[in-house]
Amino acid sequence: MSNFVVLLDSSKTSQNSDNFQINFNQPIKFNGVPHEVGLRLLSTWFTWFNVSADYGNNIFKYSNDSGFTWETATIPSGNYSIDQLEDAIHQLMEANGDVTIDGGTGVKTYDINLAPNYSTIRLYLELTNGFQVDFTAGKLNELLGFTSAVVTASSYGTSNVNITNSVNTMLLHCSLINGAGSYDNNISSDILFAFVPNVPPGANINITPVSITYIPIDRLDYIDRIQLRLTDQLGRRVNLNGEDLTAWLHIRPRKLVNYMK
């Protein structure tokens, strides 16, 4: 009865790092013995975006003359906090000349500002001097907690800020698992491991489980390929934007428990 350690590294393929498959030159043979798989190590980067064209939430449309004319700007794709998103919007406004600069101090003043209220988890959109924001263009409103409407005066959002774009948990899917011991709520799944990033955007994520959870493999003969796929808890693709993913798997004979003793 054999144990196997398998290192899967997307950098050695030309495939997307969030969804890649490794084919073995020589199959791993089980010879009729039940086996199970667990994750020993996962390494990748916190490089997925919360603002991008993929989500349709990178469009910012505003008016500087009470709605008579409108400017539509594209926010560069990235992973933003509220403060960083405000900076990006201010840069777009500045490019359009929509900024007031104090001649003496050089201090810049903008007529659109984002002020998060961390007690209520709502965002205050401050509008002055006839500026308006059209949240019907794209889905930026969903990130900021506003309805799809034109905002003509300073106001709070109607729902909580969703700056993570509803990404709460990362799920590592593995083709060795086919519902034989893994469930997503009440539905059988191929989820091998779930984690929440504990590093800031742009940083390296290194996970080495203290206690490995092993999940049964539903084949008794052999395996000649393994596919790994990374999604969020809603099943959406997690685009690592060119950064790689490495996983170290441990495959061992399944420990069968006789409950009739």
C-alpha atoms as a PDB file:
ATOM      1  CA  MET A   1       0.000   0.000   0.000  1.00  0.00           C
ATOM      2  CA  SER A   2       1.590   3.236  -1.199  1.00  0.00           C
ATOM      3  CA  ASN A   3       1.547   6.895  -0.301  1.00  0.00           C
ATOM      4  CA  PHE A   4       2.028   9.528  -2.996  1.00  0.00           C
ATOM      5  CA  VAL A   5       2.961  13.186  -2.790  1.00  0.00           C
ATOM      6  CA  VAL A   6       2.042  15.210  -5.862  1.00  0.00           C
ATOM      7  CA  LEU A   7       3.266  18.745  -6.532  1.00  0.00           C
ATOM      8  CA  LEU A   8       1.060  20.616  -9.007  1.00  0.00           C
ATOM      9  CA  ASP A   9       2.453  23.907 -10.310  1.00  0.00           C
ATOM     10  CA  SER A  10       0.663  26.104 -12.842  1.00  0.00           C
ATOM     11  CA  SER A  11       3.913  27.893 -13.755  1.00  0.00           C
ATOM     12  CA  LYS A  12       5.012  24.757 -15.615  1.00  0.00           C
ATOM     13  CA  THR A  13       1.988  24.916 -17.904  1.00  0.00           C
ATOM     14  CA  SER A  14       0.573  27.388 -20.404  1.00  0.00           C
ATOM     15  CA  GLN A  15      -2.890  27.142 -18.836  1.00  0.00           C
ATOM     16  CA  ASN A  16      -4.742  29.598 -16.634  1.00  0.00           C
ATOM     17  CA  SER A  17      -3.367  29.317 -13.106  1.00  0.00           C
ATOM     18  CA  ASP A  18      -6.861  29.279 -11.591  1.00  0.00           C
ATOM     19  CA  ASN A  19      -7.881  26.271 -13.716  1.00  0.00           C
ATOM     20  CA  PHE A  20      -5.197  23.878 -14.921  1.00  0.00           C
ATOM     21  CA  GLN A  21      -4.748  20.163 -15.516  1.00  0.00           C
ATOM     22  CA  ILE A  22      -1.654  18.001 -15.186  1.00  0.00           C
ATOM     23  CA  ASN A  23      -1.451  14.779 -17.197  1.00  0.00           C
ATOM     24  CA  PHE A  24       0.914  12.099 -15.884  1.00  0.00           C
ATOM     25  CA  ASN A  25       3.334  10.258 -18.134  1.00  0.00           C
ATOM     26  CA  GLN A  26       2.936   7.247 -15.859  1.00  0.00           C
ATOM     27  CA  PRO A  27      -0.420   6.762 -14.098  1.00  0.00           C
ATOM     28  CA  ILE A  28      -0.589   6.514 -10.324  1.00  0.00           C
ATOM     29  CA  LYS A  29      -1.881   2.992  -9.727  1.00  0.00           C
ATOM     30  CA  PHE A  30      -4.165   2.105  -6.837  1.00  0.00           C
ATOM     31  CA  ASN A  31      -4.514  -1.622  -7.648  1.00  0.00           C
ATOM     32  CA  GLY A  32      -8.008  -1.810  -6.212  1.00  0.00           C
ATOM     33  CA  VAL A  33      -7.064  -0.194  -2.889  1.00  0.00           C
ATOM     34  CA  PRO A  34      -9.287   2.755  -1.813  1.00  0.00           C
ATOM     35  CA  HIS A  35      -7.297   5.999  -1.472  1.00  0.00           C
ATOM     36  CA  GLU A  36      -7.920   9.500  -0.176  1.00  0.00           C
ATOM     37  CA  VAL A  37      -6.381  12.922  -0.845  1.00  0.00           C
ATOM     38  CA  GLY A  38      -5.523  15.899   1.324  1.00  0.00           C
ATOM     39  CA  LEU A  39      -3.866  19.276   0.861  1.00  0.00           C
ATOM     40  CA  ARG A  40      -0.447  19.772   2.458  1.00  0.00           C
ATOM     41  CA  LEU A  41       0.411  23.147   0.964  1.00  0.00           C
ATOM     42  CA  LEU A  42      -1.165  25.846  -1.164  1.00  0.00           C
ATOM     43  CA  SER A  43       0.721  28.879  -2.444  1.00  0.00           C
ATOM     44  CA  THR A  44      -0.602  31.651  -4.662  1.00  0.00           C
ATOM     45  CA  TRP A  45      -1.042  35.435  -4.698  1.00  0.00           C
ATOM     46  CA  PHE A  46      -3.869  37.761  -3.673  1.00  0.00           C
ATOM     47  CA  THR A  47      -4.162  39.247  -7.159  1.00  0.00           C
ATOM     48  CA  TRP A  48      -7.833  38.926  -8.060  1.00  0.00           C
ATOM     49  CA  PHE A  49      -9.763  42.148  -8.649  1.00  0.00           C
ATOM     50  CA  ASN A  50     -12.937  43.533  -7.122  1.00  0.00           C
ATOM     51  CA  VAL A  51     -13.307  46.143  -9.878  1.00  0.00           C
ATOM     52  CA  SER A  52     -13.016  45.046 -13.502  1.00  0.00           C
ATOM     53  CA  ALA A  53     -14.795  44.808 -16.834  1.00  0.00           C
ATOM     54  CA  ASP A  54     -15.419  41.117 -16.032  1.00  0.00           C
ATOM     55  CA  TYR A  55     -17.785  42.224 -13.272  1.00  0.00           C
ATOM     56  CA  GLY A  56     -19.161  45.217 -15.198  1.00  0.00           C
ATOM     57  CA  ASN A  57     -18.431  47.508 -12.242  1.00  0.00           C
ATOM     58  CA  ASN A  58     -15.574  49.609 -13.645  1.00  0.00           C
ATOM     59  CA  ILE A  59     -17.700  52.379 -15.195  1.00  0.00           C
ATOM     60  CA  PHE A  60     -18.102  55.705 -13.404  1.00  0.00           C
ATOM     61  CA  LYS A  61     -20.561  58.190 -14.910  1.00  0.00           C
ATOM     62  CA  TYR A  62     -21.044  61.652 -13.472  1.00  0.00           C
ATOM     63  CA  SER A  63     -22.262  65.142 -14.325  1.00  0.00           C
ATOM     64  CA  ASN A  64     -20.690  68.453 -13.317  1.00  0.00           C
ATOM     65  CA  ASP A  65     -23.651  70.617 -14.384  1.00  0.00           C
ATOM     66  CA  SER A  66     -26.749  69.206 -12.662  1.00  0.00           C
ATOM     67  CA  GLY A  67     -27.309  66.503 -15.257  1.00  0.00           C
ATOM     68  CA  PHE A  68     -27.166  68.490 -18.503  1.00  0.00           C
ATOM     69  CA  THR A  69     -23.976  66.756 -19.688  1.00  0.00           C
ATOM     70  CA  TRP A  70     -22.309  63.563 -18.522  1.00  0.00           C
ATOM     71  CA  GLU A  71     -18.798  62.211 -18.350  1.00  0.00           C
ATOM     72  CA  THR A  72     -18.231  58.454 -18.539  1.00  0.00           C
ATOM     73  CA  ALA A  73     -14.883  57.200 -17.260  1.00  0.00           C
ATOM     74  CA  THR A  74     -13.354  53.736 -16.918  1.00  0.00           C
ATOM     75  CA  ILE A  75     -11.788  52.826 -13.590  1.00  0.00           C
ATOM     76  CA  PRO A  76      -8.600  50.775 -14.103  1.00  0.00           C
ATOM     77  CA  SER A  77      -9.119  47.149 -13.097  1.00  0.00           C
ATOM     78  CA  GLY A  78      -7.750  46.395  -9.648  1.00  0.00           C
ATOM     79  CA  ASN A  79      -8.444  45.466  -6.056  1.00  0.00           C
ATOM     80  CA  TYR A  80      -9.586  48.627  -4.281  1.00  0.00           C
ATOM     81  CA  SER A  81     -10.458  49.737  -0.804  1.00  0.00           C
ATOM     82  CA  ILE A  82     -12.998  52.556  -0.517  1.00  0.00           C
ATOM     83  CA  ASP A  83     -10.203  55.116  -0.087  1.00  0.00           C
ATOM     84  CA  GLN A  84      -8.315  53.767  -3.093  1.00  0.00           C
ATOM     85  CA  LEU A  85     -11.481  53.785  -5.164  1.00  0.00           C
ATOM     86  CA  GLU A  86     -12.084  57.416  -4.230  1.00  0.00           C
ATOM     87  CA  ASP A  87      -8.518  58.241  -5.293  1.00  0.00           C
ATOM     88  CA  ALA A  88      -9.100  56.548  -8.654  1.00  0.00           C
ATOM     89  CA  ILE A  89     -12.325  58.496  -9.184  1.00  0.00           C
ATOM     90  CA  HIS A  90     -10.600  61.744  -8.259  1.00  0.00           C
ATOM     91  CA  GLN A  91      -7.838  61.032 -10.780  1.00  0.00           C
ATOM     92  CA  LEU A  92     -10.456  60.511 -13.497  1.00  0.00           C
ATOM     93  CA  MET A  93     -12.183  63.762 -12.507  1.00  0.00           C
ATOM     94  CA  GLU A  94      -8.879  65.609 -12.481  1.00  0.00           C
ATOM     95  CA  ALA A  95      -8.145  64.365 -16.009  1.00  0.00           C
ATOM     96  CA  ASN A  96     -11.443  65.966 -17.061  1.00  0.00           C
ATOM     97  CA  GLY A  97     -10.610  69.231 -15.282  1.00  0.00           C
ATOM     98  CA  ASP A  98     -13.187  68.656 -12.566  1.00  0.00           C
ATOM     99  CA  VAL A  99     -11.040  69.705  -9.624  1.00  0.00           C
ATOM    100  CA  THR A 100     -10.540  72.958  -7.717  1.00  0.00           C
ATOM    101  CA  ILE A 101      -6.954  73.813  -6.767  1.00  0.00           C
ATOM    102  CA  ASP A 102      -6.211  76.418  -4.132  1.00  0.00           C
ATOM    103  CA  GLY A 103      -3.708  78.829  -5.661  1.00  0.00           C
ATOM    104  CA  GLY A 104      -1.979  79.463  -2.366  1.00  0.00           C
ATOM    105  CA  THR A 105      -1.737  76.002  -0.840  1.00  0.00           C
ATOM    106  CA  GLY A 106      -2.182  73.779  -3.869  1.00  0.00           C
ATOM    107  CA  VAL A 107      -4.843  71.813  -2.015  1.00  0.00           C
ATOM    108  CA  LYS A 108      -7.229  70.010  -4.370  1.00  0.00           C
ATOM    109  CA  THR A 109     -10.963  69.926  -3.726  1.00  0.00           C
ATOM    110  CA  TYR A 110     -13.402  67.561  -5.448  1.00  0.00           C
ATOM    111  CA  ASP A 111     -17.189  67.742  -5.653  1.00  0.00           C
ATOM    112  CA  ILE A 112     -17.622  63.958  -5.448  1.00  0.00           C
ATOM    113  CA  ASN A 113     -16.336  62.225  -2.333  1.00  0.00           C
ATOM    114  CA  LEU A 114     -16.781  58.770  -0.778  1.00  0.00           C
ATOM    115  CA  ALA A 115     -17.078  58.656   3.005  1.00  0.00           C
ATOM    116  CA  PRO A 116     -17.551  55.175   4.539  1.00  0.00           C
ATOM    117  CA  ASN A 117     -19.377  54.905   7.841  1.00  0.00           C
ATOM    118  CA  TYR A 118     -17.778  51.892   9.510  1.00  0.00           C
ATOM    119  CA  SER A 119     -20.410  51.811  12.250  1.00  0.00           C
ATOM    120  CA  THR A 120     -23.339  51.345   9.850  1.00  0.00           C
ATOM    121  CA  ILE A 121     -21.331  49.737   6.995  1.00  0.00           C
ATOM    122  CA  ARG A 122     -22.940  52.288   4.663  1.00  0.00           C
ATOM    123  CA  LEU A 123     -21.264  54.720   2.287  1.00  0.00           C
ATOM    124  CA  TYR A 124     -21.965  58.440   2.260  1.00  0.00           C
ATOM    125  CA  LEU A 125     -21.713  59.877  -1.240  1.00  0.00           C
ATOM    126  CA  GLU A 126     -20.978  63.578  -0.915  1.00  0.00           C
ATOM    127  CA  LEU A 127     -22.027  65.714  -3.911  1.00  0.00           C
ATOM    128  CA  THR A 128     -21.570  69.482  -4.122  1.00  0.00           C
ATOM    129  CA  ASN A 129     -21.904  72.289  -6.699  1.00  0.00           C
ATOM    130  CA  GLY A 130     -24.403  70.526  -8.935  1.00  0.00           C
ATOM    131  CA  PHE A 131     -22.429  67.295  -9.387  1.00  0.00           C
ATOM    132  CA  GLN A 132     -24.424  64.095  -9.864  1.00  0.00           C
ATOM    133  CA  VAL A 133     -23.600  60.394 -10.245  1.00  0.00           C
ATOM    134  CA  ASP A 134     -25.399  57.996 -12.574  1.00  0.00           C
ATOM    135  CA  PHE A 135     -25.332  54.528 -11.063  1.00  0.00           C
ATOM    136  CA  THR A 136     -27.444  53.072 -13.875  1.00  0.00           C
ATOM    137  CA  ALA A 137     -24.251  52.764 -15.939  1.00  0.00           C
ATOM    138  CA  GLY A 138     -22.648  49.465 -14.952  1.00  0.00           C
ATOM    139  CA  LYS A 139     -22.673  47.772 -11.559  1.00  0.00           C
ATOM    140  CA  LEU A 140     -20.449  50.029  -9.469  1.00  0.00           C
ATOM    141  CA  ASN A 141     -23.526  50.773  -7.371  1.00  0.00           C
ATOM    142  CA  GLU A 142     -23.563  47.184  -6.095  1.00  0.00           C
ATOM    143  CA  LEU A 143     -20.031  47.587  -4.753  1.00  0.00           C
ATOM    144  CA  LEU A 144     -20.903  50.836  -2.992  1.00  0.00           C
ATOM    145  CA  GLY A 145     -24.323  49.876  -1.657  1.00  0.00           C
ATOM    146  CA  PHE A 146     -26.500  52.100  -3.864  1.00  0.00           C
ATOM    147  CA  THR A 147     -29.473  51.298  -6.058  1.00  0.00           C
ATOM    148  CA  SER A 148     -29.249  51.556  -9.831  1.00  0.00           C
ATOM    149  CA  ALA A 149     -30.344  55.190 -10.070  1.00  0.00           C
ATOM    150  CA  VAL A 150     -29.114  58.739 -10.625  1.00  0.00           C
ATOM    151  CA  VAL A 151     -27.953  60.314  -7.352  1.00  0.00           C
ATOM    152  CA  THR A 152     -28.533  64.068  -7.431  1.00  0.00           C
ATOM    153  CA  ALA A 153     -27.675  65.035  -3.856  1.00  0.00           C
ATOM    154  CA  SER A 154     -25.478  63.850  -1.015  1.00  0.00           C
ATOM    155  CA  SER A 155     -26.885  60.684   0.498  1.00  0.00           C
ATOM    156  CA  TYR A 156     -26.147  57.362   2.133  1.00  0.00           C
ATOM    157  CA  GLY A 157     -26.345  54.087   0.261  1.00  0.00           C
ATOM    158  CA  THR A 158     -29.417  51.964   0.821  1.00  0.00           C
ATOM    159  CA  SER A 159     -27.473  48.783   1.621  1.00  0.00           C
ATOM    160  CA  ASN A 160     -24.162  47.723   3.087  1.00  0.00           C
ATOM    161  CA  VAL A 161     -20.954  48.434   1.224  1.00  0.00           C
ATOM    162  CA  ASN A 162     -19.867  45.321  -0.678  1.00  0.00           C
ATOM    163  CA  ILE A 163     -16.286  46.287  -1.444  1.00  0.00           C
ATOM    164  CA  THR A 164     -15.190  42.632  -1.701  1.00  0.00           C
ATOM    165  CA  ASN A 165     -17.704  42.082  -4.519  1.00  0.00           C
ATOM    166  CA  SER A 166     -19.250  39.284  -2.412  1.00  0.00           C
ATOM    167  CA  VAL A 167     -16.019  37.273  -2.334  1.00  0.00           C
ATOM    168  CA  ASN A 168     -15.892  35.737   1.149  1.00  0.00           C
ATOM    169  CA  THR A 169     -14.102  32.411   0.744  1.00  0.00           C
ATOM    170  CA  MET A 170     -11.756  30.775  -1.764  1.00  0.00           C
ATOM    171  CA  LEU A 171     -12.515  27.180  -2.796  1.00  0.00           C
ATOM    172  CA  LEU A 172      -9.918  24.803  -4.261  1.00  0.00           C
ATOM    173  CA  HIS A 173     -11.597  22.208  -6.463  1.00  0.00           C
ATOM    174  CA  CYS A 174      -9.878  18.932  -7.354  1.00  0.00           C
ATOM    175  CA  SER A 175     -10.886  16.433 -10.053  1.00  0.00           C
ATOM    176  CA  LEU A 176      -9.928  13.501  -7.805  1.00  0.00           C
ATOM    177  CA  ILE A 177     -13.052  14.248  -5.762  1.00  0.00           C
ATOM    178  CA  ASN A 178     -16.437  13.570  -7.279  1.00  0.00           C
ATOM    179  CA  GLY A 179     -18.900  14.016  -4.478  1.00  0.00           C
ATOM    180  CA  ALA A 180     -17.434  11.141  -2.492  1.00  0.00           C
ATOM    181  CA  GLY A 181     -17.219  12.974   0.807  1.00  0.00           C
ATOM    182  CA  SER A 182     -17.263  16.663  -0.126  1.00  0.00           C
ATOM    183  CA  TYR A 183     -20.373  18.820  -0.026  1.00  0.00           C
ATOM    184  CA  ASP A 184     -21.216  22.430  -0.836  1.00  0.00           C
ATOM    185  CA  ASN A 185     -24.221  22.959   1.430  1.00  0.00           C
ATOM    186  CA  ASN A 186     -26.477  20.029   0.479  1.00  0.00           C
ATOM    187  CA  ILE A 187     -24.915  19.353  -2.932  1.00  0.00           C
ATOM    188  CA  SER A 188     -22.036  16.939  -3.512  1.00  0.00           C
ATOM    189  CA  SER A 189     -18.961  18.747  -4.798  1.00  0.00           C
ATOM    190  CA  ASP A 190     -15.324  18.474  -5.822  1.00  0.00           C
ATOM    191  CA  ILE A 191     -14.096  20.941  -3.171  1.00  0.00           C
ATOM    192  CA  LEU A 192     -10.804  19.846  -1.609  1.00  0.00           C
ATOM    193  CA  PHE A 193     -10.062  22.882   0.551  1.00  0.00           C
ATOM    194  CA  ALA A 194     -11.525  26.254   1.552  1.00  0.00           C
ATOM    195  CA  PHE A 195      -9.642  29.258   2.865  1.00  0.00           C
ATOM    196  CA  VAL A 196      -9.924  32.966   3.564  1.00  0.00           C
ATOM    197  CA  PRO A 197      -6.907  35.110   2.585  1.00  0.00           C
ATOM    198  CA  ASN A 198      -5.139  36.440   5.678  1.00  0.00           C
ATOM    199  CA  VAL A 199      -2.854  38.791   3.745  1.00  0.00           C
ATOM    200  CA  PRO A 200      -3.512  42.125   2.009  1.00  0.00           C
ATOM    201  CA  PRO A 201      -4.060  42.406  -1.765  1.00  0.00           C
ATOM    202  CA  GLY A 202      -0.844  41.903  -3.706  1.00  0.00           C
ATOM    203  CA  ALA A 203       0.738  39.657  -1.061  1.00  0.00           C
ATOM    204  CA  ASN A 204       1.685  35.986  -1.211  1.00  0.00           C
ATOM    205  CA  ILE A 205      -0.780  33.472   0.252  1.00  0.00           C
ATOM    206  CA  ASN A 206       0.883  30.458   1.884  1.00  0.00           C
ATOM    207  CA  ILE A 207      -1.306  27.820   3.490  1.00  0.00           C
ATOM    208  CA  THR A 208       0.000  24.748   5.324  1.00  0.00           C
ATOM    209  CA  PRO A 209      -2.880  23.086   7.178  1.00  0.00           C
ATOM    210  CA  VAL A 210      -1.985  22.027  10.707  1.00  0.00           C
ATOM    211  CA  SER A 211      -4.451  19.179  10.495  1.00  0.00           C
ATOM    212  CA  ILE A 212      -4.981  17.762   7.009  1.00  0.00           C
ATOM    213  CA  THR A 213      -8.512  16.802   6.017  1.00  0.00           C
ATOM    214  CA  TYR A 214      -8.535  13.774   3.725  1.00  0.00           C
ATOM    215  CA  ILE A 215     -11.344  13.199   1.256  1.00  0.00           C
ATOM    216  CA  PRO A 216     -12.037   9.860  -0.487  1.00  0.00           C
ATOM    217  CA  ILE A 217     -11.019   9.374  -4.121  1.00  0.00           C
ATOM    218  CA  ASP A 218     -13.753   7.598  -6.055  1.00  0.00           C
ATOM    219  CA  ARG A 219     -11.411   5.516  -8.226  1.00  0.00           C
ATOM    220  CA  LEU A 220      -9.822   2.198  -7.372  1.00  0.00           C
ATOM    221  CA  ASP A 221      -7.778   1.568 -10.510  1.00  0.00           C
ATOM    222  CA  TYR A 222      -5.497   4.518 -11.311  1.00  0.00           C
ATOM    223  CA  ILE A 223      -5.331   8.255 -11.998  1.00  0.00           C
ATOM    224  CA  ASP A 224      -3.567   9.730 -15.009  1.00  0.00           C
ATOM    225  CA  ARG A 225      -4.529  13.393 -14.588  1.00  0.00           C
ATOM    226  CA  ILE A 226      -5.433  15.916 -11.906  1.00  0.00           C
ATOM    227  CA  GLN A 227      -7.261  19.184 -12.490  1.00  0.00           C
ATOM    228  CA  LEU A 228      -7.263  22.041  -9.971  1.00  0.00           C
ATOM    229  CA  ARG A 229      -9.672  24.937 -10.113  1.00  0.00           C
ATOM    230  CA  LEU A 230     -10.014  28.018  -7.904  1.00  0.00           C
ATOM    231  CA  THR A 231     -13.386  29.727  -7.375  1.00  0.00           C
ATOM    232  CA  ASP A 232     -15.094  31.878  -4.777  1.00  0.00           C
ATOM    233  CA  GLN A 233     -17.903  30.573  -2.596  1.00  0.00           C
ATOM    234  CA  LEU A 234     -20.425  31.572  -5.294  1.00  0.00           C
ATOM    235  CA  GLY A 235     -18.694  29.393  -7.876  1.00  0.00           C
ATOM    236  CA  ARG A 236     -17.246  32.325  -9.805  1.00  0.00           C
ATOM    237  CA  ARG A 237     -13.815  32.093 -11.385  1.00  0.00           C
ATOM    238  CA  VAL A 238     -11.001  33.670  -9.347  1.00  0.00           C
ATOM    239  CA  ASN A 239      -8.742  35.286 -11.946  1.00  0.00           C
ATOM    240  CA  LEU A 240      -5.204  35.409 -10.545  1.00  0.00           C
ATOM    241  CA  ASN A 241      -4.187  37.778 -13.353  1.00  0.00           C
ATOM    242  CA  GLY A 242      -1.103  35.901 -14.442  1.00  0.00           C
ATOM    243  CA  GLU A 243       0.209  34.869 -11.009  1.00  0.00           C
ATOM    244  CA  ASP A 244       0.776  31.170 -10.393  1.00  0.00           C
ATOM    245  CA  LEU A 245      -0.719  28.598  -8.061  1.00  0.00           C
ATOM    246  CA  THR A 246       1.144  25.694  -6.457  1.00  0.00           C
ATOM    247  CA  ALA A 247      -0.489  22.856  -4.543  1.00  0.00           C
ATOM    248  CA  TRP A 248       1.118  19.903  -2.766  1.00  0.00           C
ATOM    249  CA  LEU A 249      -1.225  16.952  -2.416  1.00  0.00           C
ATOM    250  CA  HIS A 250      -0.879  13.849  -0.270  1.00  0.00           C
ATOM    251  CA  ILE A 251      -2.566  10.709  -1.563  1.00  0.00           C
ATOM    252  CA  ARG A 252      -2.686   7.769   0.830  1.00  0.00           C
ATOM    253  CA  PRO A 253      -4.617   4.513   1.331  1.00  0.00           C
ATOM    254  CA  ARG A 254      -7.979   5.248   2.854  1.00  0.00           C
ATOM    255  CA  LYS A 255      -8.333   4.520   6.527  1.00  0.00           C
ATOM    256  CA  LEU A 256     -11.478   2.433   6.770  1.00  0.00           C
ATOM    257  CA  VAL A 257     -13.278   2.345  10.106  1.00  0.00           C
ATOM    258  CA  ASN A 258     -15.211  -0.724  11.163  1.00  0.00           C
ATOM    259  CA  TYR A 259     -18.153   0.568  13.184  1.00  0.00           C
ATOM    260  CA  MET A 260     -19.431  -3.004  13.821  1.00  0.00           C
ATOM    261  CA  LYS A 261     -16.748  -3.680  16.447  1.00  0.00           C
END
